[in-house]
Amino acid sequence: MSTFNLGTLRSTPKSKNDSTLTTSDPTDVYKFRLTGTSNINLSLNEISSGDDADLRLYRDSNGNGRLDVRNGVVLDEEIANSRKGSNLDDAINVQANAGTYFARVERYAPGSSGTVTYDLDLSATSPSPTASPSNLLPKEFTVGHAGAVVRDENYSDAVGDSDTADVYSFKLSRNYRLDSINLSGLSDDADIRVIQDRNRNRIVDAGEIIASSTNSGSSTDSISAGQLRTGVNYFLQVYQYSGNTDYQLTFDIA
């Protein structure tokens, strides 16, 4: 098990690119600190084709500054995990208090043939009720057929303290017209924004937010698709502003 100390995690993302997991060293651990209550954002992406890796987040339960493992079992408290199949992106977005934490990347042996390569991005942003959205772009959900919107698409999920953001990857088909993207069915405040990751670093950089809707309370949020171009890859982020709420996300095709 390899361990990397990232120091204090802040809003500026930290990235570990082209990292590797092998049969003899199948786990990497990234230690970091929070100085106050924050949203922890983790994005495990670019997993090598034909392989699989998973992501877990632990709190330093006894304050000894290390991830305690006995007979292959982690003794510290696991507060979140993401274990999607094959080389799909894994993501964790959770509100957490000040303290020391460990992000653990694990090679999933049944789904991997040899050395697994991956990228990991980490950041800590402002929590609810003055939420600053996650600035990471994992492909948690792919909209439509092979990522192209070709019909009305509807998704039901939730955001809150234990899952502060969801990210949808999509592009507009040249043969269809997307009228709007709507976020409804809210019981508390959540918002949406569209990002074009121009430099493909899977991070929200300055000038990459194309459109947003931040209506207050449980009001429906809507983004007109008139300013979006066909054939371009976009990310749609649903994020908690305050409280915990289910939501209905609709891509409205004409």
Protein backbone atom coordinates (compact mmCIF):
# COMPACT_ATOMS: atom_id res chain seq x y z
CA MET A 1 0.00 0.00 0.00
CA SER A 2 1.46 3.33 -1.10
CA THR A 3 0.55 6.46 0.89
CA PHE A 4 0.78 10.08 -0.34
CA ASN A 5 0.40 13.09 1.97
CA LEU A 6 -1.42 15.93 0.18
CA GLY A 7 -1.48 18.34 3.12
CA THR A 8 -4.48 20.64 3.56
CA LEU A 9 -7.17 20.20 0.92
CA ARG A 10 -8.63 23.47 -0.39
CA SER A 11 -10.79 24.62 -3.30
CA THR A 12 -7.90 24.55 -5.80
CA PRO A 13 -7.89 20.92 -6.97
CA LYS A 14 -4.99 18.59 -6.40
CA SER A 15 -4.43 16.01 -9.18
CA LYS A 16 -2.50 12.76 -9.29
CA ASN A 17 -2.28 11.75 -12.95
CA ASP A 18 -1.06 8.52 -14.56
CA SER A 19 -0.92 6.73 -11.22
CA THR A 20 -0.64 2.93 -11.22
CA LEU A 21 -1.94 -0.05 -9.27
CA THR A 22 -0.26 -3.43 -9.67
CA THR A 23 -0.89 -6.95 -8.43
CA SER A 24 1.89 -6.49 -5.85
CA ASP A 25 0.82 -2.94 -4.85
CA PRO A 26 -2.97 -2.86 -5.45
CA THR A 27 -3.94 0.15 -3.30
CA ASP A 28 -2.96 3.82 -3.09
CA VAL A 29 -3.88 6.02 -0.13
CA TYR A 30 -4.08 9.83 -0.26
CA LYS A 31 -3.99 11.54 3.12
CA PHE A 32 -5.33 15.09 3.49
CA ARG A 33 -6.67 17.51 6.10
CA LEU A 34 -9.68 19.80 6.32
CA THR A 35 -9.33 22.95 8.43
CA GLY A 36 -13.09 23.38 8.73
CA THR A 37 -16.39 21.89 7.59
CA SER A 38 -16.16 21.45 3.81
CA ASN A 39 -17.48 19.51 0.87
CA ILE A 40 -14.93 16.83 -0.03
CA ASN A 41 -14.88 16.25 -3.81
CA LEU A 42 -13.11 13.19 -5.25
CA SER A 43 -13.02 12.14 -8.90
CA LEU A 44 -11.40 8.87 -10.00
CA ASN A 45 -11.21 8.96 -13.80
CA GLU A 46 -9.23 7.89 -16.86
CA ILE A 47 -9.05 4.31 -15.55
CA SER A 48 -7.23 2.19 -18.11
CA SER A 49 -9.42 0.43 -20.68
CA GLY A 50 -10.41 -3.10 -19.69
CA ASP A 51 -9.57 -2.50 -16.03
CA ASP A 52 -11.43 -1.53 -12.87
CA ALA A 53 -10.61 0.50 -9.76
CA ASP A 54 -12.76 1.65 -6.84
CA LEU A 55 -12.72 4.62 -4.48
CA ARG A 56 -13.29 4.82 -0.72
CA LEU A 57 -13.10 7.67 1.79
CA TYR A 58 -12.12 7.16 5.44
CA ARG A 59 -11.94 9.43 8.48
CA ASP A 60 -8.93 9.18 10.82
CA SER A 61 -10.99 7.76 13.68
CA ASN A 62 -8.32 7.60 16.39
CA GLY A 63 -6.29 10.64 15.35
CA ASN A 64 -3.02 8.78 14.86
CA GLY A 65 -2.48 10.22 11.37
CA ARG A 66 -2.43 6.93 9.48
CA LEU A 67 -4.91 4.57 7.86
CA ASP A 68 -5.06 1.56 10.16
CA VAL A 69 -5.33 -1.82 8.44
CA ARG A 70 -5.32 -5.20 10.18
CA ASN A 71 -5.43 -8.48 8.25
CA GLY A 72 -6.57 -6.60 5.16
CA VAL A 73 -9.43 -4.85 6.98
CA VAL A 74 -9.44 -1.06 7.39
CA LEU A 75 -10.17 -0.11 11.01
CA ASP A 76 -10.82 3.59 10.46
CA GLU A 77 -14.38 4.78 9.75
CA GLU A 78 -15.47 4.55 6.11
CA ILE A 79 -17.73 7.51 5.36
CA ALA A 80 -18.33 7.04 1.61
CA ASN A 81 -17.42 4.81 -1.33
CA SER A 82 -17.91 4.51 -5.09
CA ARG A 83 -17.51 1.12 -6.80
CA LYS A 84 -18.73 1.40 -10.38
CA GLY A 85 -17.95 -1.46 -12.73
CA SER A 86 -15.30 -1.66 -15.48
CA ASN A 87 -13.41 1.58 -16.07
CA LEU A 88 -16.34 3.90 -15.38
CA ASP A 89 -15.52 7.00 -13.33
CA ASP A 90 -15.99 6.87 -9.57
CA ALA A 91 -16.91 9.95 -7.56
CA ILE A 92 -17.44 10.96 -3.94
CA ASN A 93 -18.97 14.30 -2.90
CA VAL A 94 -19.70 14.53 0.81
CA GLN A 95 -19.86 17.19 3.51
CA ALA A 96 -17.35 16.55 6.31
CA ASN A 97 -15.99 18.23 9.43
CA ALA A 98 -12.44 19.40 10.11
CA GLY A 99 -9.96 16.57 10.53
CA THR A 100 -7.74 14.08 8.71
CA TYR A 101 -9.08 11.90 5.90
CA PHE A 102 -7.85 9.18 3.56
CA ALA A 103 -8.94 8.62 -0.03
CA ARG A 104 -8.16 5.01 -0.95
CA VAL A 105 -7.97 3.83 -4.57
CA GLU A 106 -8.23 0.04 -4.94
CA ARG A 107 -7.44 -2.21 -7.89
CA TYR A 108 -10.47 -4.45 -8.46
CA ALA A 109 -8.76 -7.74 -9.25
CA PRO A 110 -11.64 -9.64 -10.96
CA GLY A 111 -12.06 -6.76 -13.41
CA SER A 112 -8.40 -6.04 -14.15
CA SER A 113 -5.85 -8.00 -16.14
CA GLY A 114 -2.60 -6.30 -15.10
CA THR A 115 -1.39 -2.85 -14.16
CA VAL A 116 -4.22 -0.34 -13.72
CA THR A 117 -3.59 3.32 -14.49
CA TYR A 118 -5.82 6.16 -13.29
CA ASP A 119 -6.15 9.88 -12.54
CA LEU A 120 -7.43 11.18 -9.20
CA ASP A 121 -8.63 14.74 -8.59
CA LEU A 122 -9.41 16.09 -5.11
CA SER A 123 -10.77 19.40 -3.80
CA ALA A 124 -12.61 20.88 -0.79
CA THR A 125 -15.28 23.53 -1.43
CA SER A 126 -17.63 25.59 0.73
CA PRO A 127 -20.52 23.62 2.27
CA SER A 128 -24.26 24.36 2.48
CA PRO A 129 -25.95 26.79 3.09
CA THR A 130 -23.56 29.00 1.09
CA ALA A 131 -22.50 26.12 -1.09
CA SER A 132 -19.72 26.41 -3.62
CA PRO A 133 -20.25 23.59 -6.15
CA SER A 134 -17.72 20.85 -6.73
CA ASN A 135 -15.18 21.93 -9.35
CA LEU A 136 -14.47 18.36 -10.50
CA LEU A 137 -16.04 16.65 -13.53
CA PRO A 138 -16.35 12.89 -13.19
CA LYS A 139 -18.64 11.23 -15.73
CA GLU A 140 -21.09 9.87 -13.17
CA PHE A 141 -23.95 9.58 -15.69
CA THR A 142 -23.85 9.47 -19.49
CA VAL A 143 -26.98 10.91 -21.08
CA GLY A 144 -28.71 9.19 -23.99
CA HIS A 145 -27.19 6.86 -26.53
CA ALA A 146 -23.37 6.91 -26.36
CA GLY A 147 -23.58 10.30 -24.66
CA ALA A 148 -25.74 11.94 -27.37
CA VAL A 149 -29.16 13.39 -26.52
CA VAL A 150 -31.58 11.96 -29.10
CA ARG A 151 -34.87 11.88 -27.16
CA ASP A 152 -36.44 13.13 -23.94
CA GLU A 153 -34.23 11.92 -21.09
CA ASN A 154 -35.36 11.81 -17.45
CA TYR A 155 -33.28 11.09 -14.37
CA SER A 156 -34.29 10.83 -10.72
CA ASP A 157 -31.73 11.15 -7.95
CA ALA A 158 -30.91 13.22 -4.86
CA VAL A 159 -28.33 15.68 -3.55
CA GLY A 160 -27.55 16.58 0.04
CA ASP A 161 -24.86 16.40 2.70
CA SER A 162 -23.94 12.80 1.83
CA ASP A 163 -23.89 13.39 -1.96
CA THR A 164 -23.51 17.09 -2.69
CA ALA A 165 -23.26 16.94 -6.51
CA ASP A 166 -24.10 14.76 -9.52
CA VAL A 167 -22.49 15.20 -12.95
CA TYR A 168 -24.07 14.22 -16.29
CA SER A 169 -22.04 14.01 -19.50
CA PHE A 170 -23.87 14.83 -22.76
CA LYS A 171 -23.70 16.31 -26.23
CA LEU A 172 -26.38 17.51 -28.63
CA SER A 173 -27.08 15.33 -31.64
CA ARG A 174 -27.04 17.14 -34.97
CA ASN A 175 -30.42 15.63 -35.90
CA TYR A 176 -32.37 16.70 -32.80
CA ARG A 177 -33.09 19.94 -30.95
CA LEU A 178 -32.73 20.19 -27.20
CA ASP A 179 -35.16 22.88 -26.00
CA SER A 180 -34.23 22.99 -22.32
CA ILE A 181 -32.81 21.22 -19.29
CA ASN A 182 -35.09 21.31 -16.24
CA LEU A 183 -34.55 20.49 -12.57
CA SER A 184 -37.80 19.92 -10.69
CA GLY A 185 -39.41 17.91 -7.88
CA LEU A 186 -37.32 19.68 -5.23
CA SER A 187 -38.07 19.82 -1.51
CA ASP A 188 -35.06 22.05 -0.78
CA ASP A 189 -32.64 24.18 -2.77
CA ALA A 190 -30.54 22.62 -5.56
CA ASP A 191 -29.18 24.26 -8.70
CA ILE A 192 -27.77 23.34 -12.11
CA ARG A 193 -25.02 24.54 -14.41
CA VAL A 194 -23.56 23.50 -17.79
CA ILE A 195 -19.78 23.28 -18.20
CA GLN A 196 -17.68 22.89 -21.34
CA ASP A 197 -14.36 21.35 -20.31
CA ARG A 198 -12.36 23.01 -23.08
CA ASN A 199 -8.93 21.81 -21.96
CA ARG A 200 -10.25 18.34 -21.02
CA ASN A 201 -8.62 18.32 -17.61
CA ARG A 202 -11.89 17.27 -15.90
CA ILE A 203 -11.79 20.39 -13.72
CA VAL A 204 -14.08 23.45 -13.89
CA ASP A 205 -11.73 26.27 -14.92
CA ALA A 206 -12.42 29.98 -15.39
CA GLY A 207 -14.65 30.70 -18.39
CA GLU A 208 -15.92 27.12 -18.77
CA ILE A 209 -19.38 27.62 -17.19
CA ILE A 210 -21.68 28.07 -20.20
CA ALA A 211 -25.04 28.46 -18.44
CA SER A 212 -26.60 28.13 -15.00
CA SER A 213 -29.89 28.35 -13.12
CA THR A 214 -29.91 29.20 -9.42
CA ASN A 215 -33.55 29.80 -8.47
CA SER A 216 -34.09 29.90 -4.72
CA GLY A 217 -35.81 27.35 -2.54
CA SER A 218 -37.67 24.49 -4.21
CA SER A 219 -38.44 26.43 -7.40
CA THR A 220 -37.78 24.65 -10.70
CA ASP A 221 -34.47 25.49 -12.38
CA SER A 222 -34.27 25.65 -16.17
CA ILE A 223 -31.53 26.20 -18.74
CA SER A 224 -32.35 27.08 -22.34
CA ALA A 225 -30.28 25.03 -24.74
CA GLY A 226 -30.20 27.73 -27.42
CA GLN A 227 -26.66 28.71 -26.44
CA LEU A 228 -25.34 25.14 -26.68
CA ARG A 229 -23.78 23.81 -29.89
CA THR A 230 -24.34 20.43 -31.53
CA GLY A 231 -21.55 17.88 -31.49
CA VAL A 232 -19.85 19.46 -28.45
CA ASN A 233 -19.31 17.53 -25.21
CA TYR A 234 -20.79 19.19 -22.11
CA PHE A 235 -21.20 18.42 -18.42
CA LEU A 236 -24.44 19.18 -16.57
CA GLN A 237 -23.94 19.46 -12.80
CA VAL A 238 -26.73 19.21 -10.25
CA TYR A 239 -25.57 20.46 -6.86
CA GLN A 240 -26.84 21.07 -3.36
CA TYR A 241 -27.29 24.67 -2.30
CA SER A 242 -29.01 23.95 1.01
CA GLY A 243 -30.65 20.98 2.68
CA ASN A 244 -31.30 17.56 1.22
CA THR A 245 -33.62 16.93 -1.70
CA ASP A 246 -34.69 14.45 -4.32
CA TYR A 247 -34.81 15.82 -7.86
CA GLN A 248 -36.08 15.12 -11.35
CA LEU A 249 -33.74 16.11 -14.19
CA THR A 250 -35.24 16.38 -17.69
CA PHE A 251 -33.55 16.90 -21.05
CA ASP A 252 -36.45 18.20 -23.17
CA ILE A 253 -36.11 17.27 -26.87
CA ALA A 254 -38.24 18.98 -29.49
